[in-house]
């Protein structure tokens, strides 16, 4: 069975999967709108969680949260499941597909056969959609790819049960029911409120705006504490999380700026357009940090120091604290 599923490319996998699944049911939301309603903008630096032996820096909430938040705020009924048994996971996938339902899944990217070798690394929070099966070939909509891809049963099983940090464990999710009336305005308010709360009020120092300051303070001492080689690896990890895994620091800020721009007219809050412009400027600051961090990693003569990089992050934290405080006031 091959479903009449429309594949659309996106900047970020979970945004794209969510948007494409919603479109299948007649709900036409842009990627920025999905990202904003799902409060996808976030920050955390967690030295106690390791990826490739180095601390994890993340610019997104936990995998699956955007889909869960968006569908809940729109009033949709969904199913989210994981399986200890791979055979059971594949059997259930086939069953749901046969019912005429496209299925979102969490997978590891290292063994995705259609990914270019340069983009394969051990990262287990990638999202894609299966929308059909024919001759043991699953039809795959991977939002970061330009066109439809295909995976055989064994290859799909392998990526659904990838090993390492945050193993996907066969996780899959899909929409079961859509209400007749959807309140987009209410969903936008809830998304902005959620994002502002996460960025400003989580008490632990590793999360939100405080987390950016936390990373800045850690980074300032990396070279002295870890040595030049290890410090460079740690910095490279931050760059990878920003530029290769999802859309990271600058990219997510640009998407959120587009969400604010689009929301301004929908909820009649023109002041969001000014904040959209300011969020774009913050995205530019993240991009500037990334470029300078890469220059440091490559050991160029004009490289900026860890102290200077730390100050860039502190300036970003200050700007983000200001903008999320303003957003919190606007949607009161």
Protein backbone atom coordinates (compact mmCIF):
# COMPACT_ATOMS: atom_id res chain seq x y z
CA UNK A 1 0.00 0.00 0.00
CA UNK A 2 1.30 3.45 -0.95
CA UNK A 3 -0.50 6.39 0.64
CA UNK A 4 -1.09 9.66 -1.20
CA UNK A 5 1.39 11.48 1.04
CA UNK A 6 2.94 14.81 0.03
CA UNK A 7 6.66 15.09 0.71
CA UNK A 8 7.97 18.58 1.53
CA UNK A 9 11.57 19.41 2.37
CA UNK A 10 12.26 21.36 5.57
CA UNK A 11 15.14 22.78 7.56
CA UNK A 12 14.62 20.52 10.58
CA UNK A 13 13.43 16.94 10.65
CA UNK A 14 10.83 17.00 13.44
CA UNK A 15 9.32 20.26 12.21
CA UNK A 16 9.09 18.78 8.73
CA UNK A 17 7.61 15.46 9.83
CA UNK A 18 5.01 17.22 11.95
CA UNK A 19 4.11 19.69 9.20
CA UNK A 20 3.88 16.95 6.57
CA UNK A 21 1.72 14.71 8.78
CA UNK A 22 -0.61 17.63 9.52
CA UNK A 23 -0.91 18.43 5.80
CA UNK A 24 -1.98 14.83 5.16
CA UNK A 25 -5.00 15.56 7.35
CA UNK A 26 -5.73 18.93 5.76
CA UNK A 27 -4.03 21.15 8.37
CA UNK A 28 -1.71 23.46 6.44
CA UNK A 29 0.86 24.83 8.89
CA UNK A 30 4.26 26.13 7.81
CA UNK A 31 7.46 24.81 9.35
CA UNK A 32 7.98 28.02 11.40
CA UNK A 33 4.39 27.78 12.72
CA UNK A 34 4.93 24.16 13.76
CA UNK A 35 8.23 25.08 15.40
CA UNK A 36 6.72 28.00 17.31
CA UNK A 37 3.54 26.27 18.47
CA UNK A 38 5.67 23.32 19.54
CA UNK A 39 8.05 25.61 21.49
CA UNK A 40 10.96 24.08 19.60
CA UNK A 41 13.37 26.87 20.49
CA UNK A 42 15.48 25.90 23.49
CA UNK A 43 19.02 25.61 24.85
CA UNK A 44 20.83 23.22 27.14
CA UNK A 45 24.42 22.32 27.92
CA UNK A 46 24.64 19.00 29.77
CA UNK A 47 28.13 17.86 30.79
CA UNK A 48 26.59 14.79 32.45
CA UNK A 49 25.34 13.47 29.06
CA UNK A 50 27.98 12.47 26.54
CA UNK A 51 27.84 12.16 22.76
CA UNK A 52 31.02 10.73 21.23
CA UNK A 53 32.59 11.13 24.67
CA UNK A 54 31.92 14.87 24.91
CA UNK A 55 29.24 16.95 26.66
CA UNK A 56 25.98 17.47 24.80
CA UNK A 57 24.88 20.95 23.83
CA UNK A 58 21.33 21.03 22.49
CA UNK A 59 19.25 23.73 20.83
CA UNK A 60 15.99 21.76 20.93
CA UNK A 61 13.75 20.04 23.47
CA UNK A 62 13.69 16.26 23.73
CA UNK A 63 12.91 14.42 20.47
CA UNK A 64 9.18 14.04 19.99
CA UNK A 65 8.22 17.06 22.07
CA UNK A 66 7.45 19.33 19.12
CA UNK A 67 5.06 16.77 17.62
CA UNK A 68 3.46 16.09 21.00
CA UNK A 69 2.98 19.78 21.85
CA UNK A 70 1.66 20.82 18.45
CA UNK A 71 -0.88 18.02 18.21
CA UNK A 72 -2.04 18.55 21.80
CA UNK A 73 -2.47 22.29 21.31
CA UNK A 74 -4.46 21.72 18.13
CA UNK A 75 -6.64 19.14 19.85
CA UNK A 76 -5.54 16.11 17.80
CA UNK A 77 -5.57 12.55 19.10
CA UNK A 78 -2.24 10.79 18.58
CA UNK A 79 -0.46 7.55 19.38
CA UNK A 80 3.17 7.41 20.51
CA UNK A 81 4.73 3.99 21.19
CA UNK A 82 8.06 2.23 21.52
CA UNK A 83 8.88 -1.48 21.42
CA UNK A 84 11.41 -3.71 23.14
CA UNK A 85 11.03 -6.26 20.32
CA UNK A 86 12.16 -5.15 16.82
CA UNK A 87 9.96 -7.70 15.05
CA UNK A 88 6.93 -6.43 16.93
CA UNK A 89 7.89 -2.86 16.02
CA UNK A 90 8.02 -3.69 12.30
CA UNK A 91 4.79 -5.67 12.46
CA UNK A 92 2.97 -2.78 14.14
CA UNK A 93 4.34 -0.34 11.57
CA UNK A 94 2.94 -2.48 8.75
CA UNK A 95 -0.40 -2.75 10.51
CA UNK A 96 -0.74 1.01 10.92
CA UNK A 97 0.32 1.65 7.31
CA UNK A 98 -2.31 -0.82 6.08
CA UNK A 99 -4.94 1.16 8.00
CA UNK A 100 -4.13 4.13 5.74
CA UNK A 101 -2.09 6.06 8.31
CA UNK A 102 1.36 7.56 7.67
CA UNK A 103 3.78 6.91 10.54
CA UNK A 104 6.47 9.14 12.00
CA UNK A 105 9.54 7.41 13.46
CA UNK A 106 12.64 8.23 15.44
CA UNK A 107 15.82 6.73 13.96
CA UNK A 108 19.61 6.86 14.07
CA UNK A 109 21.29 8.47 11.07
CA UNK A 110 24.55 6.49 11.00
CA UNK A 111 23.07 3.56 9.04
CA UNK A 112 20.64 5.50 6.85
CA UNK A 113 21.66 4.09 3.48
CA UNK A 114 20.45 7.10 1.48
CA UNK A 115 22.46 9.60 3.56
CA UNK A 116 25.77 10.76 2.02
CA UNK A 117 28.73 9.29 3.93
CA UNK A 118 29.82 12.73 5.12
CA UNK A 119 26.53 13.18 6.98
CA UNK A 120 26.50 9.81 8.73
CA UNK A 121 27.41 9.95 12.40
CA UNK A 122 26.05 8.48 15.61
CA UNK A 123 22.98 10.62 16.26
CA UNK A 124 19.74 8.94 17.31
CA UNK A 125 17.18 11.75 17.24
CA UNK A 126 16.35 11.95 13.54
CA UNK A 127 12.72 11.90 12.39
CA UNK A 128 11.17 10.57 9.19
CA UNK A 129 7.82 9.28 7.89
CA UNK A 130 6.96 5.91 6.37
CA UNK A 131 3.93 6.20 4.12
CA UNK A 132 3.89 2.93 2.24
CA UNK A 133 5.44 -0.47 1.60
CA UNK A 134 5.94 -2.28 -1.69
CA UNK A 135 8.04 -5.42 -2.34
CA UNK A 136 9.75 -5.09 1.07
CA UNK A 137 10.67 -1.46 0.28
CA UNK A 138 9.32 1.24 2.58
CA UNK A 139 8.51 4.59 1.00
CA UNK A 140 10.17 7.21 3.19
CA UNK A 141 9.58 10.94 3.49
CA UNK A 142 12.69 12.32 5.17
CA UNK A 143 12.15 16.10 5.42
CA UNK A 144 15.85 16.95 5.13
CA UNK A 145 16.04 15.18 1.76
CA UNK A 146 14.91 16.72 -1.51
CA UNK A 147 12.79 13.79 -2.70
CA UNK A 148 11.22 10.51 -1.56
CA UNK A 149 13.67 7.84 -0.35
CA UNK A 150 13.42 4.06 0.12
CA UNK A 151 14.55 1.64 2.83
CA UNK A 152 14.19 -2.12 2.89
CA UNK A 153 12.84 -3.81 5.98
CA UNK A 154 16.23 -4.74 7.45
CA UNK A 155 17.70 -1.29 6.92
CA UNK A 156 14.69 0.40 8.51
CA UNK A 157 14.80 -1.99 11.45
CA UNK A 158 18.52 -1.25 11.91
CA UNK A 159 18.05 2.53 12.14
CA UNK A 160 14.98 2.15 14.38
CA UNK A 161 17.15 0.21 16.81
CA UNK A 162 20.37 2.18 16.60
CA UNK A 163 22.66 1.94 19.63
CA UNK A 164 24.30 4.73 21.59
CA UNK A 165 23.13 7.94 23.26
CA UNK A 166 19.32 8.16 23.41
CA UNK A 167 18.57 4.96 21.44
CA UNK A 168 15.27 5.25 19.51
CA UNK A 169 13.97 1.81 20.64
CA UNK A 170 11.54 1.53 17.75
CA UNK A 171 9.68 4.72 18.64
CA UNK A 172 6.89 5.63 16.26
CA UNK A 173 4.02 8.10 16.33
CA UNK A 174 0.99 8.96 14.24
CA UNK A 175 -2.25 10.93 14.18
CA UNK A 176 -5.45 9.05 15.01
CA UNK A 177 -8.13 11.74 14.97
CA UNK A 178 -8.50 15.38 13.94
CA UNK A 179 -11.17 17.70 15.40
CA UNK A 180 -13.48 19.70 13.14
CA UNK A 181 -12.47 23.05 14.63
CA UNK A 182 -8.88 24.05 15.40
CA UNK A 183 -7.93 27.19 17.31
CA UNK A 184 -4.61 28.35 15.84
CA UNK A 185 -4.59 31.57 17.87
CA UNK A 186 -4.83 29.70 21.17
CA UNK A 187 -2.09 27.31 20.04
CA UNK A 188 0.23 30.24 19.19
CA UNK A 189 -0.25 31.81 22.62
CA UNK A 190 0.45 28.47 24.30
CA UNK A 191 3.60 27.94 22.23
CA UNK A 192 5.05 31.37 23.03
CA UNK A 193 4.22 30.98 26.71
CA UNK A 194 5.91 27.57 26.79
CA UNK A 195 9.06 28.82 25.04
CA UNK A 196 9.36 31.88 27.28
CA UNK A 197 8.96 29.74 30.39
CA UNK A 198 11.56 27.20 29.24
CA UNK A 199 14.09 29.87 28.30
CA UNK A 200 13.65 31.99 31.43
CA UNK A 201 12.42 30.03 34.43
CA UNK A 202 13.92 26.52 34.57
CA UNK A 203 15.79 26.66 37.90
CA UNK A 204 18.75 24.48 36.88
CA UNK A 205 21.72 26.43 35.47
CA UNK A 206 22.21 24.19 32.40
CA UNK A 207 18.94 25.14 30.65
CA UNK A 208 17.47 28.10 28.81
CA UNK A 209 19.18 31.48 28.89
CA UNK A 210 21.02 30.47 32.06
CA UNK A 211 22.38 27.52 30.11
CA UNK A 212 24.01 29.81 27.54
CA UNK A 213 25.78 31.67 30.36
CA UNK A 214 26.67 28.30 31.89
CA UNK A 215 28.33 27.15 28.65
CA UNK A 216 30.09 30.52 28.34
CA UNK A 217 31.62 30.17 31.80
CA UNK A 218 32.70 26.59 31.10
CA UNK A 219 34.15 27.49 27.71
CA UNK A 220 36.27 30.29 29.11
CA UNK A 221 38.30 27.73 31.09
CA UNK A 222 38.38 24.87 28.58
CA UNK A 223 41.87 25.48 27.21
CA UNK A 224 43.50 25.82 30.63
CA UNK A 225 41.55 22.94 32.15
CA UNK A 226 41.46 20.47 29.26
CA UNK A 227 44.46 21.36 27.16
CA UNK A 228 44.45 22.74 23.62
CA UNK A 229 43.57 19.48 21.81
CA UNK A 230 40.67 18.41 24.04
CA UNK A 231 39.32 21.96 24.26
CA UNK A 232 39.25 22.07 20.47
CA UNK A 233 37.28 18.80 20.41
CA UNK A 234 34.76 20.20 22.90
CA UNK A 235 34.38 23.35 20.84
CA UNK A 236 33.99 21.28 17.68
CA UNK A 237 31.18 19.37 19.38
CA UNK A 238 29.31 22.62 20.04
CA UNK A 239 29.74 23.63 16.39
CA UNK A 240 28.45 20.25 15.21
CA UNK A 241 25.36 20.56 17.41
CA UNK A 242 24.78 24.04 15.98
CA UNK A 243 25.42 23.42 12.31
CA UNK A 244 25.02 19.71 11.50
CA UNK A 245 22.54 18.22 13.98
CA UNK A 246 19.20 19.81 13.20
CA UNK A 247 19.57 23.50 12.43
CA UNK A 248 21.06 24.52 15.74
CA UNK A 249 21.75 27.96 17.11
CA UNK A 250 21.36 30.40 14.26
CA UNK A 251 18.98 28.31 12.18
CA UNK A 252 16.45 27.79 14.95
CA UNK A 253 16.51 31.51 15.75
CA UNK A 254 15.77 32.33 12.11
CA UNK A 255 12.88 29.85 12.08
CA UNK A 256 11.50 31.30 15.29
CA UNK A 257 11.77 34.81 13.83
CA UNK A 258 9.65 33.63 10.91
CA UNK A 259 7.13 32.19 13.37
CA UNK A 260 6.85 35.55 15.17
CA UNK A 261 6.44 37.36 11.85
CA UNK A 262 3.67 35.00 10.76
CA UNK A 263 1.98 35.07 14.17
CA UNK A 264 1.83 38.87 14.37
CA UNK A 265 -1.08 39.07 11.94
CA UNK A 266 -2.85 35.90 13.09
CA UNK A 267 -3.17 37.01 16.74
CA UNK A 268 -3.14 40.75 15.94
CA UNK A 269 0.04 41.54 17.85
CA UNK A 270 2.05 43.82 15.50
CA UNK A 271 4.78 44.20 18.13
CA UNK A 272 5.81 40.63 17.32
CA UNK A 273 7.16 41.89 13.99
CA UNK A 274 9.74 44.01 15.80
CA UNK A 275 10.69 41.05 17.99
CA UNK A 276 10.97 38.94 14.84
CA UNK A 277 13.57 41.38 13.54
CA UNK A 278 15.44 41.25 16.85
CA UNK A 279 15.36 37.46 16.86
CA UNK A 280 16.89 37.48 13.37
CA UNK A 281 19.70 39.63 14.75
CA UNK A 282 20.24 37.09 17.53
CA UNK A 283 20.47 34.40 14.85
CA UNK A 284 23.18 36.49 13.19
CA UNK A 285 25.06 36.58 16.51
CA UNK A 286 24.90 32.79 16.78
CA UNK A 287 26.20 32.49 13.21
CA UNK A 288 29.05 34.89 14.01
CA UNK A 289 29.93 32.79 17.05
CA UNK A 290 29.91 29.62 14.94
CA UNK A 291 32.21 31.11 12.29
CA UNK A 292 34.68 32.32 14.91
CA UNK A 293 34.55 29.04 16.82
CA UNK A 294 35.35 27.17 13.60
CA UNK A 295 38.29 29.51 12.99
CA UNK A 296 39.57 28.65 16.45
CA UNK A 297 39.21 24.89 15.83
CA UNK A 298 41.15 25.16 12.57
CA UNK A 299 43.98 26.94 14.39
CA UNK A 300 44.07 29.94 12.08
CA UNK A 301 46.41 32.78 12.93
CA UNK A 302 43.57 35.24 13.37
CA UNK A 303 41.56 32.90 15.60
CA UNK A 304 39.55 34.34 18.47
CA UNK A 305 40.33 33.16 22.00
CA UNK A 306 38.11 31.07 24.25
CA UNK A 307 37.63 34.16 26.39
CA UNK A 308 36.36 36.09 23.38
CA UNK A 309 34.06 33.23 22.37
CA UNK A 310 32.76 33.10 25.93
CA UNK A 311 31.94 36.80 25.80
CA UNK A 312 30.05 36.31 22.53
CA UNK A 313 27.86 33.71 24.25
CA UNK A 314 27.26 36.01 27.21
CA UNK A 315 26.12 38.76 24.84
CA UNK A 316 23.76 36.28 23.15
CA UNK A 317 22.38 35.22 26.52
CA UNK A 318 21.69 38.84 27.41
CA UNK A 319 19.85 39.42 24.12
CA UNK A 320 17.78 36.24 24.45
CA UNK A 321 16.85 37.06 28.05
CA UNK A 322 15.55 40.43 26.87
CA UNK A 323 13.51 39.11 23.96
CA UNK A 324 11.88 36.24 25.86
CA UNK A 325 11.03 38.58 28.72
CA UNK A 326 9.29 40.85 26.20
CA UNK A 327 7.44 37.90 24.65
CA UNK A 328 6.28 36.81 28.08
CA UNK A 329 4.77 40.25 28.66
CA UNK A 330 3.10 40.44 25.23
CA UNK A 331 1.18 37.17 25.57
CA UNK A 332 0.00 37.78 29.15
